[in-house]
Amino acid sequence: MDFVVWLSFVAIATTNIVTPGPAILNTIRRATQLGLRKTIPTILGNAFGLAVAGSFCAGGVATFVMASELLWTLFHWLGVGYLVWLGLKLIFVREELDLSGEARRGVPARQLFIEAFTLAVSNPKAVLFFVAIFPQVMDASRPVLPQAVILVSTFCAISIGSLFSYSTLASLLRGRFLTQRRYRVFRTVSGALLLGFAGKLAREVR
């Protein structure tokens, strides 16, 4: 793969990744609740979900799904449904804020990983990004697999860096400005934003 083309992909991917969305909101929420160290499964779960989505697209399966109006609509609604579920959970389910550093009732790492993975892999926007960009930057005269590995790995690495930065900032601010009441307000606002993302996705379903 041409180095200049790769740099262009990095610039486009970075712009896409650092723009606040469901994955960033979820990571900030967990960092605010649990602290930086305990959000590592969340960050890795998101990266693994993106890797699966990228491989899905590179393998041409996404093209098949998008060609079927029924399958693509189903995929869209699965993403909408998960965002609605997560948004309502943020608004109505109470979570205790832990500032002791020991997480009296810590969230299991497996739960954090699966939560982030599901959010990433069920997001139609990630699939659309890969489908739109991959053909523009991949060289048809060269083997597909090595190029796909480079592009997906790059995208995941940028995502890890972005989420780690957001998580670090949220973790630093939590001890100075956060109380249980403010955390409750933050969860409610985050839930409303996720419902807004779900509504936006719902309007885009053909």
C-alpha atoms as a PDB file:
ATOM      1  CA  MET A   1       0.000   0.000   0.000  1.00  0.00           C
ATOM      2  CA  ASP A   2       1.244   3.439  -0.927  1.00  0.00           C
ATOM      3  CA  PHE A   3       2.407   5.398   2.137  1.00  0.00           C
ATOM      4  CA  VAL A   4       0.698   8.631   1.047  1.00  0.00           C
ATOM      5  CA  VAL A   5      -2.582   6.771   0.573  1.00  0.00           C
ATOM      6  CA  TRP A   6      -2.187   5.269   4.025  1.00  0.00           C
ATOM      7  CA  LEU A   7      -1.602   8.733   5.529  1.00  0.00           C
ATOM      8  CA  SER A   8      -4.785   9.944   3.838  1.00  0.00           C
ATOM      9  CA  PHE A   9      -6.659   7.035   5.372  1.00  0.00           C
ATOM     10  CA  VAL A  10      -5.214   7.898   8.801  1.00  0.00           C
ATOM     11  CA  ALA A  11      -6.434  11.498   8.472  1.00  0.00           C
ATOM     12  CA  ILE A  12      -9.938  10.469   7.383  1.00  0.00           C
ATOM     13  CA  ALA A  13     -10.198   7.734  10.021  1.00  0.00           C
ATOM     14  CA  THR A  14      -9.002  10.033  12.812  1.00  0.00           C
ATOM     15  CA  THR A  15     -11.617  12.641  11.941  1.00  0.00           C
ATOM     16  CA  ASN A  16     -14.300   9.965  11.964  1.00  0.00           C
ATOM     17  CA  ILE A  17     -13.152   8.343  15.209  1.00  0.00           C
ATOM     18  CA  VAL A  18     -12.590  11.387  17.443  1.00  0.00           C
ATOM     19  CA  THR A  19     -16.043  12.808  16.670  1.00  0.00           C
ATOM     20  CA  PRO A  20     -18.183  12.036  19.746  1.00  0.00           C
ATOM     21  CA  GLY A  21     -20.535   9.101  19.251  1.00  0.00           C
ATOM     22  CA  PRO A  22     -21.985   6.146  21.192  1.00  0.00           C
ATOM     23  CA  ALA A  23     -18.593   4.451  21.752  1.00  0.00           C
ATOM     24  CA  ILE A  24     -17.025   7.609  23.173  1.00  0.00           C
ATOM     25  CA  LEU A  25     -20.052   8.311  25.376  1.00  0.00           C
ATOM     26  CA  ASN A  26     -19.975   4.766  26.714  1.00  0.00           C
ATOM     27  CA  THR A  27     -16.241   4.948  27.451  1.00  0.00           C
ATOM     28  CA  ILE A  28     -16.534   8.312  29.197  1.00  0.00           C
ATOM     29  CA  ARG A  29     -19.412   6.957  31.282  1.00  0.00           C
ATOM     30  CA  ARG A  30     -17.423   3.942  32.426  1.00  0.00           C
ATOM     31  CA  ALA A  31     -14.296   6.025  33.105  1.00  0.00           C
ATOM     32  CA  THR A  32     -16.397   8.449  35.129  1.00  0.00           C
ATOM     33  CA  GLN A  33     -17.971   5.627  37.092  1.00  0.00           C
ATOM     34  CA  LEU A  34     -14.997   3.289  37.549  1.00  0.00           C
ATOM     35  CA  GLY A  35     -11.788   5.161  36.764  1.00  0.00           C
ATOM     36  CA  LEU A  36      -9.225   4.832  33.975  1.00  0.00           C
ATOM     37  CA  ARG A  37      -7.753   1.415  34.733  1.00  0.00           C
ATOM     38  CA  LYS A  38     -11.102  -0.351  34.821  1.00  0.00           C
ATOM     39  CA  THR A  39     -12.121   0.979  31.385  1.00  0.00           C
ATOM     40  CA  ILE A  40      -9.415  -1.022  29.586  1.00  0.00           C
ATOM     41  CA  PRO A  41     -11.880  -3.867  28.785  1.00  0.00           C
ATOM     42  CA  THR A  42     -14.261  -1.257  27.363  1.00  0.00           C
ATOM     43  CA  ILE A  43     -11.573   0.178  25.095  1.00  0.00           C
ATOM     44  CA  LEU A  44     -10.423  -3.274  23.958  1.00  0.00           C
ATOM     45  CA  GLY A  45     -13.996  -4.452  23.421  1.00  0.00           C
ATOM     46  CA  ASN A  46     -14.667  -1.514  21.134  1.00  0.00           C
ATOM     47  CA  ALA A  47     -11.466  -2.179  19.178  1.00  0.00           C
ATOM     48  CA  PHE A  48     -12.319  -5.859  18.768  1.00  0.00           C
ATOM     49  CA  GLY A  49     -15.813  -4.944  17.562  1.00  0.00           C
ATOM     50  CA  LEU A  50     -14.332  -2.593  14.978  1.00  0.00           C
ATOM     51  CA  ALA A  51     -11.888  -5.314  13.897  1.00  0.00           C
ATOM     52  CA  VAL A  52     -14.786  -7.710  13.334  1.00  0.00           C
ATOM     53  CA  ALA A  53     -16.751  -5.067  11.404  1.00  0.00           C
ATOM     54  CA  GLY A  54     -13.673  -4.199   9.312  1.00  0.00           C
ATOM     55  CA  SER A  55     -12.980  -7.845   8.513  1.00  0.00           C
ATOM     56  CA  PHE A  56     -16.658  -8.271   7.682  1.00  0.00           C
ATOM     57  CA  CYS A  57     -16.378  -5.461   5.131  1.00  0.00           C
ATOM     58  CA  ALA A  58     -12.990  -6.472   3.735  1.00  0.00           C
ATOM     59  CA  GLY A  59     -14.317  -9.983   3.141  1.00  0.00           C
ATOM     60  CA  GLY A  60     -17.082  -8.628   0.949  1.00  0.00           C
ATOM     61  CA  VAL A  61     -19.864  -9.853   3.233  1.00  0.00           C
ATOM     62  CA  ALA A  62     -21.052  -6.293   3.857  1.00  0.00           C
ATOM     63  CA  THR A  63     -21.600  -5.817   0.133  1.00  0.00           C
ATOM     64  CA  PHE A  64     -23.883  -8.849   0.122  1.00  0.00           C
ATOM     65  CA  VAL A  65     -25.829  -7.579   3.156  1.00  0.00           C
ATOM     66  CA  MET A  66     -26.182  -4.088   1.708  1.00  0.00           C
ATOM     67  CA  ALA A  67     -27.425  -5.539  -1.582  1.00  0.00           C
ATOM     68  CA  SER A  68     -30.345  -7.103   0.290  1.00  0.00           C
ATOM     69  CA  GLU A  69     -32.780  -4.463   1.472  1.00  0.00           C
ATOM     70  CA  LEU A  70     -34.229  -6.873   4.043  1.00  0.00           C
ATOM     71  CA  LEU A  71     -30.849  -7.819   5.572  1.00  0.00           C
ATOM     72  CA  TRP A  72     -29.571  -4.238   5.629  1.00  0.00           C
ATOM     73  CA  THR A  73     -32.801  -2.975   7.205  1.00  0.00           C
ATOM     74  CA  LEU A  74     -32.581  -5.737   9.821  1.00  0.00           C
ATOM     75  CA  PHE A  75     -28.957  -4.810  10.583  1.00  0.00           C
ATOM     76  CA  HIS A  76     -29.959  -1.157  10.928  1.00  0.00           C
ATOM     77  CA  TRP A  77     -32.775  -1.953  13.358  1.00  0.00           C
ATOM     78  CA  LEU A  78     -30.529  -4.164  15.456  1.00  0.00           C
ATOM     79  CA  GLY A  79     -28.204  -1.190  15.877  1.00  0.00           C
ATOM     80  CA  VAL A  80     -31.135   1.104  16.678  1.00  0.00           C
ATOM     81  CA  GLY A  81     -32.527  -1.379  19.189  1.00  0.00           C
ATOM     82  CA  TYR A  82     -29.246  -1.734  21.058  1.00  0.00           C
ATOM     83  CA  LEU A  83     -28.789   2.045  21.307  1.00  0.00           C
ATOM     84  CA  VAL A  84     -32.357   2.442  22.599  1.00  0.00           C
ATOM     85  CA  TRP A  85     -31.799  -0.301  25.187  1.00  0.00           C
ATOM     86  CA  LEU A  86     -28.530   1.234  26.362  1.00  0.00           C
ATOM     87  CA  GLY A  87     -30.009   4.756  26.436  1.00  0.00           C
ATOM     88  CA  LEU A  88     -33.011   3.673  28.518  1.00  0.00           C
ATOM     89  CA  LYS A  89     -30.712   1.731  30.831  1.00  0.00           C
ATOM     90  CA  LEU A  90     -28.628   4.863  31.439  1.00  0.00           C
ATOM     91  CA  ILE A  91     -31.721   6.895  32.239  1.00  0.00           C
ATOM     92  CA  PHE A  92     -33.650   4.470  34.426  1.00  0.00           C
ATOM     93  CA  VAL A  93     -31.114   2.071  36.003  1.00  0.00           C
ATOM     94  CA  ARG A  94     -29.244   3.490  38.995  1.00  0.00           C
ATOM     95  CA  GLU A  95     -25.474   2.969  39.193  1.00  0.00           C
ATOM     96  CA  GLU A  96     -23.393   3.971  42.172  1.00  0.00           C
ATOM     97  CA  LEU A  97     -20.404   6.215  41.606  1.00  0.00           C
ATOM     98  CA  ASP A  98     -17.193   4.932  43.162  1.00  0.00           C
ATOM     99  CA  LEU A  99     -14.456   7.402  44.108  1.00  0.00           C
ATOM    100  CA  SER A 100     -12.648   5.141  46.536  1.00  0.00           C
ATOM    101  CA  GLY A 101     -10.402   3.653  43.883  1.00  0.00           C
ATOM    102  CA  GLU A 102     -11.469   0.146  44.842  1.00  0.00           C
ATOM    103  CA  ALA A 103     -14.881  -0.088  43.153  1.00  0.00           C
ATOM    104  CA  ARG A 104     -16.951  -1.530  45.980  1.00  0.00           C
ATOM    105  CA  ARG A 105     -19.341  -3.084  43.464  1.00  0.00           C
ATOM    106  CA  GLY A 106     -17.151  -3.226  40.411  1.00  0.00           C
ATOM    107  CA  VAL A 107     -18.534  -4.096  36.981  1.00  0.00           C
ATOM    108  CA  PRO A 108     -17.009  -7.368  35.690  1.00  0.00           C
ATOM    109  CA  ALA A 109     -14.409  -6.897  32.965  1.00  0.00           C
ATOM    110  CA  ARG A 110     -16.260  -9.380  30.771  1.00  0.00           C
ATOM    111  CA  GLN A 111     -19.441  -7.308  30.966  1.00  0.00           C
ATOM    112  CA  LEU A 112     -17.560  -4.139  30.021  1.00  0.00           C
ATOM    113  CA  PHE A 113     -15.892  -5.900  27.078  1.00  0.00           C
ATOM    114  CA  ILE A 114     -19.133  -7.394  25.713  1.00  0.00           C
ATOM    115  CA  GLU A 115     -20.988  -4.100  26.160  1.00  0.00           C
ATOM    116  CA  ALA A 116     -18.399  -2.168  24.121  1.00  0.00           C
ATOM    117  CA  PHE A 117     -18.000  -4.938  21.543  1.00  0.00           C
ATOM    118  CA  THR A 118     -21.754  -5.098  20.917  1.00  0.00           C
ATOM    119  CA  LEU A 119     -21.952  -1.328  20.598  1.00  0.00           C
ATOM    120  CA  ALA A 120     -19.146  -1.270  18.025  1.00  0.00           C
ATOM    121  CA  VAL A 121     -20.144  -4.260  15.929  1.00  0.00           C
ATOM    122  CA  SER A 122     -23.838  -3.280  15.766  1.00  0.00           C
ATOM    123  CA  ASN A 123     -23.168   0.279  14.605  1.00  0.00           C
ATOM    124  CA  PRO A 124     -24.122   0.571  10.895  1.00  0.00           C
ATOM    125  CA  LYS A 125     -22.042   3.749  10.639  1.00  0.00           C
ATOM    126  CA  ALA A 126     -18.815   1.801  11.125  1.00  0.00           C
ATOM    127  CA  VAL A 127     -19.775  -0.628   8.358  1.00  0.00           C
ATOM    128  CA  LEU A 128     -20.726   2.224   6.027  1.00  0.00           C
ATOM    129  CA  PHE A 129     -17.393   3.935   6.710  1.00  0.00           C
ATOM    130  CA  PHE A 130     -15.414   0.819   5.883  1.00  0.00           C
ATOM    131  CA  VAL A 131     -17.481   0.083   2.779  1.00  0.00           C
ATOM    132  CA  ALA A 132     -17.103   3.662   1.541  1.00  0.00           C
ATOM    133  CA  ILE A 133     -13.387   4.090   2.258  1.00  0.00           C
ATOM    134  CA  PHE A 134     -11.813   0.694   1.629  1.00  0.00           C
ATOM    135  CA  PRO A 135     -12.379   0.696  -2.157  1.00  0.00           C
ATOM    136  CA  GLN A 136     -10.879   4.182  -2.359  1.00  0.00           C
ATOM    137  CA  VAL A 137      -7.602   3.319  -0.641  1.00  0.00           C
ATOM    138  CA  MET A 138      -7.032  -0.339  -1.522  1.00  0.00           C
ATOM    139  CA  ASP A 139      -4.936  -1.204  -4.574  1.00  0.00           C
ATOM    140  CA  ALA A 140      -6.795  -3.757  -6.701  1.00  0.00           C
ATOM    141  CA  SER A 141      -3.519  -4.948  -8.239  1.00  0.00           C
ATOM    142  CA  ARG A 142      -2.190  -6.086  -4.849  1.00  0.00           C
ATOM    143  CA  PRO A 143      -3.384  -8.838  -2.483  1.00  0.00           C
ATOM    144  CA  VAL A 144      -6.444  -7.788  -0.495  1.00  0.00           C
ATOM    145  CA  LEU A 145      -5.649  -9.485   2.818  1.00  0.00           C
ATOM    146  CA  PRO A 146      -2.428  -7.605   3.726  1.00  0.00           C
ATOM    147  CA  GLN A 147      -4.035  -4.279   2.833  1.00  0.00           C
ATOM    148  CA  ALA A 148      -7.151  -5.094   4.846  1.00  0.00           C
ATOM    149  CA  VAL A 149      -5.029  -6.053   7.858  1.00  0.00           C
ATOM    150  CA  ILE A 150      -3.140  -2.760   7.656  1.00  0.00           C
ATOM    151  CA  LEU A 151      -6.288  -0.647   7.324  1.00  0.00           C
ATOM    152  CA  VAL A 152      -8.290  -2.419  10.025  1.00  0.00           C
ATOM    153  CA  SER A 153      -5.308  -2.460  12.421  1.00  0.00           C
ATOM    154  CA  THR A 154      -4.717   1.249  11.813  1.00  0.00           C
ATOM    155  CA  PHE A 155      -8.359   2.087  12.425  1.00  0.00           C
ATOM    156  CA  CYS A 156      -8.419   0.067  15.652  1.00  0.00           C
ATOM    157  CA  ALA A 157      -5.173   1.618  16.886  1.00  0.00           C
ATOM    158  CA  ILE A 158      -6.526   5.127  16.324  1.00  0.00           C
ATOM    159  CA  SER A 159      -9.731   4.159  18.106  1.00  0.00           C
ATOM    160  CA  ILE A 160      -7.798   2.812  21.102  1.00  0.00           C
ATOM    161  CA  GLY A 161      -5.771   6.020  21.291  1.00  0.00           C
ATOM    162  CA  SER A 162      -8.878   8.179  21.035  1.00  0.00           C
ATOM    163  CA  LEU A 163     -10.862   6.281  23.678  1.00  0.00           C
ATOM    164  CA  PHE A 164      -7.857   6.134  25.993  1.00  0.00           C
ATOM    165  CA  SER A 165      -7.508   9.928  25.727  1.00  0.00           C
ATOM    166  CA  TYR A 166     -11.196  10.515  26.460  1.00  0.00           C
ATOM    167  CA  SER A 167     -11.070   7.996  29.291  1.00  0.00           C
ATOM    168  CA  THR A 168      -7.992   9.621  30.826  1.00  0.00           C
ATOM    169  CA  LEU A 169      -9.608  13.058  30.766  1.00  0.00           C
ATOM    170  CA  ALA A 170     -12.851  11.753  32.286  1.00  0.00           C
ATOM    171  CA  SER A 171     -10.934   9.885  34.984  1.00  0.00           C
ATOM    172  CA  LEU A 172      -8.896  12.961  35.900  1.00  0.00           C
ATOM    173  CA  LEU A 173     -11.975  15.148  36.201  1.00  0.00           C
ATOM    174  CA  ARG A 174     -14.095  12.677  38.163  1.00  0.00           C
ATOM    175  CA  GLY A 175     -12.280  13.141  41.470  1.00  0.00           C
ATOM    176  CA  ARG A 176     -12.486  16.931  41.393  1.00  0.00           C
ATOM    177  CA  PHE A 177     -15.920  17.701  40.049  1.00  0.00           C
ATOM    178  CA  LEU A 178     -18.042  14.570  40.303  1.00  0.00           C
ATOM    179  CA  THR A 179     -20.657  13.726  42.889  1.00  0.00           C
ATOM    180  CA  GLN A 180     -23.332  11.025  42.857  1.00  0.00           C
ATOM    181  CA  ARG A 181     -25.937  13.649  41.880  1.00  0.00           C
ATOM    182  CA  ARG A 182     -23.835  14.994  39.004  1.00  0.00           C
ATOM    183  CA  TYR A 183     -23.093  11.476  37.851  1.00  0.00           C
ATOM    184  CA  ARG A 184     -26.829  10.787  37.749  1.00  0.00           C
ATOM    185  CA  VAL A 185     -27.361  13.887  35.616  1.00  0.00           C
ATOM    186  CA  PHE A 186     -24.508  12.829  33.349  1.00  0.00           C
ATOM    187  CA  ARG A 187     -26.062   9.363  32.893  1.00  0.00           C
ATOM    188  CA  THR A 188     -29.434  10.879  32.061  1.00  0.00           C
ATOM    189  CA  VAL A 189     -27.940  13.259  29.502  1.00  0.00           C
ATOM    190  CA  SER A 190     -25.845  10.451  27.996  1.00  0.00           C
ATOM    191  CA  GLY A 191     -28.927   8.233  27.772  1.00  0.00           C
ATOM    192  CA  ALA A 192     -30.834  10.995  26.018  1.00  0.00           C
ATOM    193  CA  LEU A 193     -27.971  11.461  23.546  1.00  0.00           C
ATOM    194  CA  LEU A 194     -27.885   7.730  22.798  1.00  0.00           C
ATOM    195  CA  LEU A 195     -31.630   7.805  22.192  1.00  0.00           C
ATOM    196  CA  GLY A 196     -30.965  10.722  19.845  1.00  0.00           C
ATOM    197  CA  PHE A 197     -28.375   8.662  17.955  1.00  0.00           C
ATOM    198  CA  ALA A 198     -30.911   5.826  17.772  1.00  0.00           C
ATOM    199  CA  GLY A 199     -33.536   8.191  16.394  1.00  0.00           C
ATOM    200  CA  LYS A 200     -31.114   9.461  13.771  1.00  0.00           C
ATOM    201  CA  LEU A 201     -30.327   5.893  12.700  1.00  0.00           C
ATOM    202  CA  ALA A 202     -34.036   5.034  12.621  1.00  0.00           C
ATOM    203  CA  ARG A 203     -34.742   7.922  10.254  1.00  0.00           C
ATOM    204  CA  GLU A 204     -32.051   6.654   7.895  1.00  0.00           C
ATOM    205  CA  VAL A 205     -33.569   3.178   7.541  1.00  0.00           C
ATOM    206  CA  ARG A 206     -34.859   2.776   4.010  1.00  0.00           C
END
